[in-house]
Amino acid sequence: MTEVNERREFAVDIETADAVLYGDVQLPEGARGIVLFAHGSGSSRHSPRNRYVADQLAQGGMGTLLFDLLTSSEENRDRFDASLRFDIGLLTERLVAATRWLGTQPWAANLAVGYFGASTGAAAALAASVDCRDLVRAVVSRGGRPDLAGEALPRVTSPTLLIVGSRDSVVIDLNEQARRLLHRCESRLEIVPGATHLFEEPGTLEQVAALALAWFQRWL
């Protein structure tokens, strides 16, 4: 990966129709694209795995935006009853709103947009890419549930990379089924050897970051 020394980092408040979402931006000097992260079940912008991937993308010259898809009160509710983490419609609406908000920010002018989705966030990323097809150039899913995007899958046009661990057999099957429905975009399924669902094994998350960076550098 290419090392980038100059990097702006700042916090943002993303105003949507029904909430204010908090996010963190990394913007390397000369970045031509920015990747929005859609976190997975029971997670937030503080997810150590997503933050690691974001840092690797930033070192490779990509801008990144990690933000909370849920408000603090919604996160508290979800921790109690897990009622929102599988609400793909809500997560998609929030990601679409953040994408449209990004288009109003002077610092993001002329930046191509990509999505990185994990777990249920991958379904939201694919569904949002349909609503924002004029903006979203590429999607990457890590251990995702793209099958939960449902009827949106045949309408996805953004090039999509699906990354799954070789020891995550159920999710591999779900990704293979979802990929067969991606009729309108270039897609690829990458299986990381020895990795389980959370890519906790040594070296596996590094492989995810390298695959994601190469995909975004190609399409953004």
Protein backbone atom coordinates (compact mmCIF):
# COMPACT_ATOMS: atom_id res chain seq x y z
CA MET A 1 0.00 0.00 0.00
CA THR A 2 1.17 3.51 -0.81
CA GLU A 3 1.92 5.52 2.30
CA VAL A 4 0.31 8.96 2.44
CA ASN A 5 1.83 11.30 5.00
CA GLU A 6 -0.49 14.32 4.91
CA ARG A 7 -3.97 13.56 6.20
CA ARG A 8 -6.77 15.74 7.60
CA GLU A 9 -8.88 14.18 10.34
CA PHE A 10 -12.03 15.81 11.70
CA ALA A 11 -15.43 15.04 13.21
CA VAL A 12 -18.71 15.79 11.44
CA ASP A 13 -22.41 16.02 12.32
CA ILE A 14 -24.58 14.56 9.57
CA GLU A 15 -28.06 16.06 9.59
CA THR A 16 -30.78 13.82 8.18
CA ALA A 17 -34.55 14.22 8.08
CA ASP A 18 -35.02 12.38 11.39
CA ALA A 19 -31.68 12.38 13.18
CA VAL A 20 -28.23 13.85 13.63
CA LEU A 21 -25.53 11.23 13.07
CA TYR A 22 -21.94 11.58 14.25
CA GLY A 23 -18.99 10.70 12.08
CA ASP A 24 -15.21 10.81 11.68
CA VAL A 25 -13.46 11.76 8.46
CA GLN A 26 -9.97 10.99 7.23
CA LEU A 27 -8.99 12.92 4.12
CA PRO A 28 -5.52 12.30 2.69
CA GLU A 29 -3.95 15.03 0.60
CA GLY A 30 -4.82 14.52 -3.06
CA ALA A 31 -7.60 11.99 -2.38
CA ARG A 32 -9.85 11.43 -5.39
CA GLY A 33 -12.41 9.27 -3.62
CA ILE A 34 -14.06 8.76 -0.24
CA VAL A 35 -15.45 5.55 1.25
CA LEU A 36 -18.50 5.63 3.53
CA PHE A 37 -18.62 2.80 6.08
CA ALA A 38 -21.89 1.08 6.91
CA HIS A 39 -21.25 -0.86 10.10
CA GLY A 40 -22.88 -4.13 11.00
CA SER A 41 -25.08 -5.60 13.67
CA GLY A 42 -24.69 -4.01 17.09
CA SER A 43 -21.70 -1.95 15.99
CA SER A 44 -20.87 1.75 15.58
CA ARG A 45 -18.29 4.06 14.04
CA HIS A 46 -15.94 2.92 16.80
CA SER A 47 -15.78 -0.64 15.43
CA PRO A 48 -12.06 -1.56 15.69
CA ARG A 49 -12.23 -3.67 12.53
CA ASN A 50 -13.78 -0.95 10.42
CA ARG A 51 -11.43 1.64 11.90
CA TYR A 52 -8.47 -0.54 10.97
CA VAL A 53 -9.69 -0.91 7.39
CA ALA A 54 -10.42 2.83 7.19
CA ASP A 55 -6.89 3.62 8.35
CA GLN A 56 -5.42 1.30 5.73
CA LEU A 57 -7.55 2.90 3.01
CA ALA A 58 -6.45 6.36 4.15
CA GLN A 59 -2.80 5.27 4.01
CA GLY A 60 -3.52 4.16 0.45
CA GLY A 61 -4.86 7.59 -0.49
CA MET A 62 -8.61 7.10 0.03
CA GLY A 63 -10.80 9.43 2.05
CA THR A 64 -12.97 7.67 4.64
CA LEU A 65 -16.13 8.51 6.58
CA LEU A 66 -17.10 6.32 9.51
CA PHE A 67 -20.40 7.33 11.09
CA ASP A 68 -23.11 5.96 13.33
CA LEU A 69 -26.16 4.71 11.45
CA LEU A 70 -28.17 4.90 14.69
CA THR A 71 -28.57 7.66 17.26
CA SER A 72 -27.47 7.08 20.88
CA SER A 73 -31.02 6.33 22.02
CA GLU A 74 -31.54 3.96 19.10
CA GLU A 75 -28.28 2.17 19.90
CA ASN A 76 -29.39 1.74 23.53
CA ARG A 77 -32.70 0.30 22.36
CA ASP A 78 -30.97 -2.00 19.89
CA ARG A 79 -28.60 -3.32 22.58
CA PHE A 80 -31.68 -4.21 24.63
CA ASP A 81 -33.90 -5.84 21.99
CA ALA A 82 -31.81 -6.05 18.76
CA SER A 83 -34.78 -4.50 16.95
CA LEU A 84 -32.91 -2.13 14.65
CA ARG A 85 -29.75 -3.91 13.51
CA PHE A 86 -31.77 -5.91 10.98
CA ASP A 87 -33.94 -2.96 9.94
CA ILE A 88 -32.34 -2.74 6.50
CA GLY A 89 -34.83 -0.10 5.39
CA LEU A 90 -33.81 2.27 8.19
CA LEU A 91 -30.09 1.61 7.74
CA THR A 92 -30.43 2.21 3.99
CA GLU A 93 -32.29 5.49 4.52
CA ARG A 94 -29.57 6.72 6.86
CA LEU A 95 -26.79 5.77 4.43
CA VAL A 96 -28.58 7.47 1.54
CA ALA A 97 -29.07 10.58 3.67
CA ALA A 98 -25.38 10.63 4.62
CA THR A 99 -24.41 10.26 0.97
CA ARG A 100 -26.63 13.16 -0.07
CA TRP A 101 -25.31 15.22 2.85
CA LEU A 102 -21.76 14.51 1.72
CA GLY A 103 -22.61 16.04 -1.65
CA THR A 104 -23.29 19.36 0.08
CA GLN A 105 -19.90 19.56 1.78
CA PRO A 106 -17.28 21.77 0.08
CA TRP A 107 -14.42 19.57 1.32
CA ALA A 108 -15.97 16.58 -0.45
CA ALA A 109 -16.41 18.28 -3.82
CA ASN A 110 -15.23 16.14 -6.74
CA LEU A 111 -14.64 13.07 -4.56
CA ALA A 112 -15.90 9.81 -6.05
CA VAL A 113 -17.95 7.82 -3.53
CA GLY A 114 -17.67 4.19 -2.47
CA TYR A 115 -19.34 2.10 0.23
CA PHE A 116 -17.76 -0.41 2.62
CA GLY A 117 -20.40 -2.50 4.38
CA ALA A 118 -19.97 -5.08 7.13
CA SER A 119 -22.54 -7.69 8.21
CA THR A 120 -26.03 -6.18 7.87
CA GLY A 121 -24.42 -2.91 6.79
CA ALA A 122 -23.48 -4.61 3.52
CA ALA A 123 -27.17 -5.03 2.66
CA ALA A 124 -27.76 -1.36 3.41
CA ALA A 125 -24.76 -0.42 1.25
CA LEU A 126 -26.07 -2.37 -1.74
CA ALA A 127 -29.60 -1.03 -1.36
CA ALA A 128 -28.33 2.54 -0.93
CA SER A 129 -26.14 2.18 -4.02
CA VAL A 130 -29.34 1.74 -6.03
CA ASP A 131 -30.86 4.93 -4.64
CA CYS A 132 -27.55 6.78 -5.12
CA ARG A 133 -26.47 5.17 -8.38
CA ASP A 134 -25.55 8.61 -9.70
CA LEU A 135 -22.90 8.92 -6.99
CA VAL A 136 -21.70 5.52 -5.80
CA ARG A 137 -18.90 4.06 -7.91
CA ALA A 138 -18.13 0.85 -5.97
CA VAL A 139 -19.23 -1.32 -3.04
CA VAL A 140 -17.19 -3.67 -0.84
CA SER A 141 -18.78 -6.11 1.61
CA ARG A 142 -16.84 -7.68 4.54
CA GLY A 143 -18.46 -10.75 6.06
CA GLY A 144 -21.68 -9.23 4.81
CA ARG A 145 -25.28 -10.25 4.45
CA PRO A 146 -25.92 -8.99 0.92
CA ASP A 147 -28.88 -11.36 0.71
CA LEU A 148 -30.77 -9.02 3.04
CA ALA A 149 -30.76 -6.37 0.30
CA GLY A 150 -33.51 -8.47 -1.29
CA GLU A 151 -35.20 -6.94 -4.31
CA ALA A 152 -32.49 -4.29 -4.63
CA LEU A 153 -29.86 -6.82 -5.71
CA PRO A 154 -30.87 -7.14 -9.40
CA ARG A 155 -30.87 -3.33 -9.63
CA VAL A 156 -27.34 -2.76 -8.28
CA THR A 157 -25.08 -1.19 -10.91
CA SER A 158 -22.05 -0.31 -8.75
CA PRO A 159 -19.14 -2.78 -9.09
CA THR A 160 -19.33 -4.99 -6.01
CA LEU A 161 -16.66 -6.98 -4.17
CA LEU A 162 -17.85 -9.57 -1.63
CA ILE A 163 -15.22 -10.69 0.92
CA VAL A 164 -15.92 -13.70 3.14
CA GLY A 165 -13.82 -15.91 5.40
CA SER A 166 -13.28 -19.50 4.30
CA ARG A 167 -14.50 -20.75 7.70
CA ASP A 168 -17.74 -18.79 7.48
CA SER A 169 -19.58 -21.40 5.42
CA VAL A 170 -23.16 -20.19 5.96
CA VAL A 171 -22.25 -16.65 4.94
CA ILE A 172 -20.32 -17.94 1.92
CA ASP A 173 -23.51 -19.62 0.70
CA LEU A 174 -25.54 -16.46 1.27
CA ASN A 175 -22.98 -14.39 -0.63
CA GLU A 176 -22.94 -16.82 -3.52
CA GLN A 177 -26.73 -16.69 -3.71
CA ALA A 178 -26.71 -12.88 -3.61
CA ARG A 179 -24.00 -12.63 -6.25
CA ARG A 180 -26.11 -14.61 -8.69
CA LEU A 181 -28.66 -11.79 -8.48
CA LEU A 182 -26.13 -9.05 -9.27
CA HIS A 183 -26.99 -9.06 -12.97
CA ARG A 184 -26.23 -5.42 -13.79
CA CYS A 185 -22.80 -4.86 -12.27
CA GLU A 186 -19.35 -6.37 -12.23
CA SER A 187 -19.00 -8.49 -9.10
CA ARG A 188 -16.43 -10.72 -7.48
CA LEU A 189 -16.39 -13.03 -4.46
CA GLU A 190 -13.08 -13.23 -2.57
CA ILE A 191 -12.69 -15.91 0.11
CA VAL A 192 -9.96 -15.23 2.69
CA PRO A 193 -8.28 -18.50 3.72
CA GLY A 194 -8.56 -19.46 7.39
CA ALA A 195 -10.83 -16.55 8.33
CA THR A 196 -14.00 -16.81 10.40
CA HIS A 197 -16.87 -14.33 10.32
CA LEU A 198 -15.12 -11.51 12.20
CA PHE A 199 -11.68 -11.95 10.55
CA GLU A 200 -10.03 -12.20 13.94
CA GLU A 201 -7.30 -14.60 12.80
CA PRO A 202 -3.80 -13.11 12.32
CA GLY A 203 -3.33 -11.51 8.94
CA THR A 204 -6.91 -11.96 7.73
CA LEU A 205 -8.13 -8.42 8.31
CA GLU A 206 -5.01 -7.15 6.57
CA GLN A 207 -6.07 -9.17 3.52
CA VAL A 208 -9.53 -7.61 3.67
CA ALA A 209 -8.02 -4.12 3.72
CA ALA A 210 -5.71 -4.88 0.81
CA LEU A 211 -8.54 -6.32 -1.29
CA ALA A 212 -10.80 -3.36 -0.50
CA LEU A 213 -8.11 -0.80 -1.30
CA ALA A 214 -7.37 -2.41 -4.66
CA TRP A 215 -11.08 -2.46 -5.53
CA PHE A 216 -11.62 1.18 -4.60
CA GLN A 217 -8.46 2.31 -6.37
CA ARG A 218 -9.72 0.57 -9.50
CA TRP A 219 -13.21 2.06 -9.47
CA LEU A 220 -12.89 5.40 -7.67
